[in-house]
Amino acid sequence: MCAASGARSISDFTRLAVEEFLKDEASNGTASLNERLRGLDEILAQLNERLRELTNALSAAEATQRESRGARLEQGAIEQ
């Protein structure tokens, strides 16, 4: 999502989103500012949830890899 928008980081993505939001708000008087802010809050909440999911998946993968490595080391010690 960040790379697609040209942002290099989450903070760049957020800044770009707010800048775009403010440009749209200035040119489009029909949308309520509060509604748009709620929309941004929802998007940021979804992004945070996805980051949490990815972090958990990465942690689980790392734990599995460590366990597998440990089992192989134990197996090697038993065979010797």
C-alpha atoms as a PDB file:
ATOM      1  CA  MET A   1       0.000   0.000   0.000  1.00  0.00           C
ATOM      2  CA  CYS A   2       2.796   2.435   0.926  1.00  0.00           C
ATOM      3  CA  ALA A   3       4.904   1.644  -2.152  1.00  0.00           C
ATOM      4  CA  ALA A   4       1.878   1.925  -4.451  1.00  0.00           C
ATOM      5  CA  SER A   5       1.283   5.471  -3.237  1.00  0.00           C
ATOM      6  CA  GLY A   6       4.955   6.427  -3.565  1.00  0.00           C
ATOM      7  CA  ALA A   7       5.517   6.522   0.194  1.00  0.00           C
ATOM      8  CA  ARG A   8       8.741   5.117   1.640  1.00  0.00           C
ATOM      9  CA  SER A   9       7.361   4.498   5.117  1.00  0.00           C
ATOM     10  CA  ILE A  10       4.180   4.419   7.167  1.00  0.00           C
ATOM     11  CA  SER A  11       4.734   8.019   8.236  1.00  0.00           C
ATOM     12  CA  ASP A  12       5.203   9.104   4.598  1.00  0.00           C
ATOM     13  CA  PHE A  13       2.033   7.216   3.682  1.00  0.00           C
ATOM     14  CA  THR A  14       0.099   8.911   6.486  1.00  0.00           C
ATOM     15  CA  ARG A  15       1.429  12.351   5.566  1.00  0.00           C
ATOM     16  CA  LEU A  16       0.553  11.839   1.895  1.00  0.00           C
ATOM     17  CA  ALA A  17      -2.931  10.624   2.834  1.00  0.00           C
ATOM     18  CA  VAL A  18      -3.565  13.683   5.019  1.00  0.00           C
ATOM     19  CA  GLU A  19      -2.220  16.047   2.337  1.00  0.00           C
ATOM     20  CA  GLU A  20      -4.454  14.415  -0.287  1.00  0.00           C
ATOM     21  CA  PHE A  21      -7.366  14.558   2.113  1.00  0.00           C
ATOM     22  CA  LEU A  22      -6.857  18.277   2.707  1.00  0.00           C
ATOM     23  CA  LYS A  23      -6.573  18.975  -1.047  1.00  0.00           C
ATOM     24  CA  ASP A  24      -9.805  17.070  -1.684  1.00  0.00           C
ATOM     25  CA  GLU A  25     -11.552  18.827   1.192  1.00  0.00           C
ATOM     26  CA  ALA A  26     -10.569  22.233  -0.171  1.00  0.00           C
ATOM     27  CA  SER A  27     -11.938  21.390  -3.624  1.00  0.00           C
ATOM     28  CA  ASN A  28     -14.967  19.357  -2.540  1.00  0.00           C
ATOM     29  CA  GLY A  29     -17.248  21.160  -0.129  1.00  0.00           C
ATOM     30  CA  THR A  30     -19.932  18.450  -0.172  1.00  0.00           C
ATOM     31  CA  ALA A  31     -18.070  15.929   2.003  1.00  0.00           C
ATOM     32  CA  SER A  32     -18.179  16.469   5.703  1.00  0.00           C
ATOM     33  CA  LEU A  33     -14.761  16.880   7.309  1.00  0.00           C
ATOM     34  CA  ASN A  34     -15.813  14.640  10.191  1.00  0.00           C
ATOM     35  CA  GLU A  35     -16.925  11.890   7.813  1.00  0.00           C
ATOM     36  CA  ARG A  36     -13.630  12.030   5.936  1.00  0.00           C
ATOM     37  CA  LEU A  37     -11.651  11.956   9.183  1.00  0.00           C
ATOM     38  CA  ARG A  38     -13.643   8.917  10.322  1.00  0.00           C
ATOM     39  CA  GLY A  39     -12.789   7.286   7.004  1.00  0.00           C
ATOM     40  CA  LEU A  40      -9.093   7.998   7.540  1.00  0.00           C
ATOM     41  CA  ASP A  41      -9.321   6.622  11.070  1.00  0.00           C
ATOM     42  CA  GLU A  42     -10.861   3.421   9.716  1.00  0.00           C
ATOM     43  CA  ILE A  43      -8.160   3.048   7.072  1.00  0.00           C
ATOM     44  CA  LEU A  44      -5.414   3.601   9.648  1.00  0.00           C
ATOM     45  CA  ALA A  45      -7.046   1.098  12.011  1.00  0.00           C
ATOM     46  CA  GLN A  46      -7.156  -1.475   9.197  1.00  0.00           C
ATOM     47  CA  LEU A  47      -3.529  -0.771   8.353  1.00  0.00           C
ATOM     48  CA  ASN A  48      -2.511  -1.170  11.999  1.00  0.00           C
ATOM     49  CA  GLU A  49      -4.431  -4.454  12.241  1.00  0.00           C
ATOM     50  CA  ARG A  50      -2.758  -5.774   9.098  1.00  0.00           C
ATOM     51  CA  LEU A  51       0.665  -4.787  10.453  1.00  0.00           C
ATOM     52  CA  ARG A  52      -0.151  -6.606  13.705  1.00  0.00           C
ATOM     53  CA  GLU A  53      -1.173  -9.717  11.733  1.00  0.00           C
ATOM     54  CA  LEU A  54       2.021  -9.613   9.686  1.00  0.00           C
ATOM     55  CA  THR A  55       4.147  -9.147  12.800  1.00  0.00           C
ATOM     56  CA  ASN A  56       2.454 -12.116  14.481  1.00  0.00           C
ATOM     57  CA  ALA A  57       2.910 -14.271  11.369  1.00  0.00           C
ATOM     58  CA  LEU A  58       6.582 -13.342  11.176  1.00  0.00           C
ATOM     59  CA  SER A  59       7.089 -14.102  14.863  1.00  0.00           C
ATOM     60  CA  ALA A  60       5.403 -17.489  14.468  1.00  0.00           C
ATOM     61  CA  ALA A  61       7.528 -18.310  11.423  1.00  0.00           C
ATOM     62  CA  GLU A  62      10.702 -17.357  13.281  1.00  0.00           C
ATOM     63  CA  ALA A  63       9.705 -19.509  16.271  1.00  0.00           C
ATOM     64  CA  THR A  64       9.007 -22.478  13.995  1.00  0.00           C
ATOM     65  CA  GLN A  65      12.346 -22.003  12.291  1.00  0.00           C
ATOM     66  CA  ARG A  66      14.168 -21.892  15.659  1.00  0.00           C
ATOM     67  CA  GLU A  67      12.363 -25.040  16.829  1.00  0.00           C
ATOM     68  CA  SER A  68      13.218 -26.840  13.603  1.00  0.00           C
ATOM     69  CA  ARG A  69      16.862 -25.807  13.877  1.00  0.00           C
ATOM     70  CA  GLY A  70      16.974 -27.004  17.492  1.00  0.00           C
ATOM     71  CA  ALA A  71      15.430 -30.359  16.582  1.00  0.00           C
ATOM     72  CA  ARG A  72      17.988 -30.871  13.823  1.00  0.00           C
ATOM     73  CA  LEU A  73      20.819 -30.064  16.228  1.00  0.00           C
ATOM     74  CA  GLU A  74      19.437 -32.519  18.789  1.00  0.00           C
ATOM     75  CA  GLN A  75      19.025 -35.195  16.111  1.00  0.00           C
ATOM     76  CA  GLY A  76      22.629 -34.665  14.999  1.00  0.00           C
ATOM     77  CA  ALA A  77      23.858 -35.040  18.590  1.00  0.00           C
ATOM     78  CA  ILE A  78      21.885 -38.274  19.043  1.00  0.00           C
ATOM     79  CA  GLU A  79      23.221 -39.778  15.804  1.00  0.00           C
ATOM     80  CA  GLN A  80      26.854 -39.084  16.719  1.00  0.00           C
END
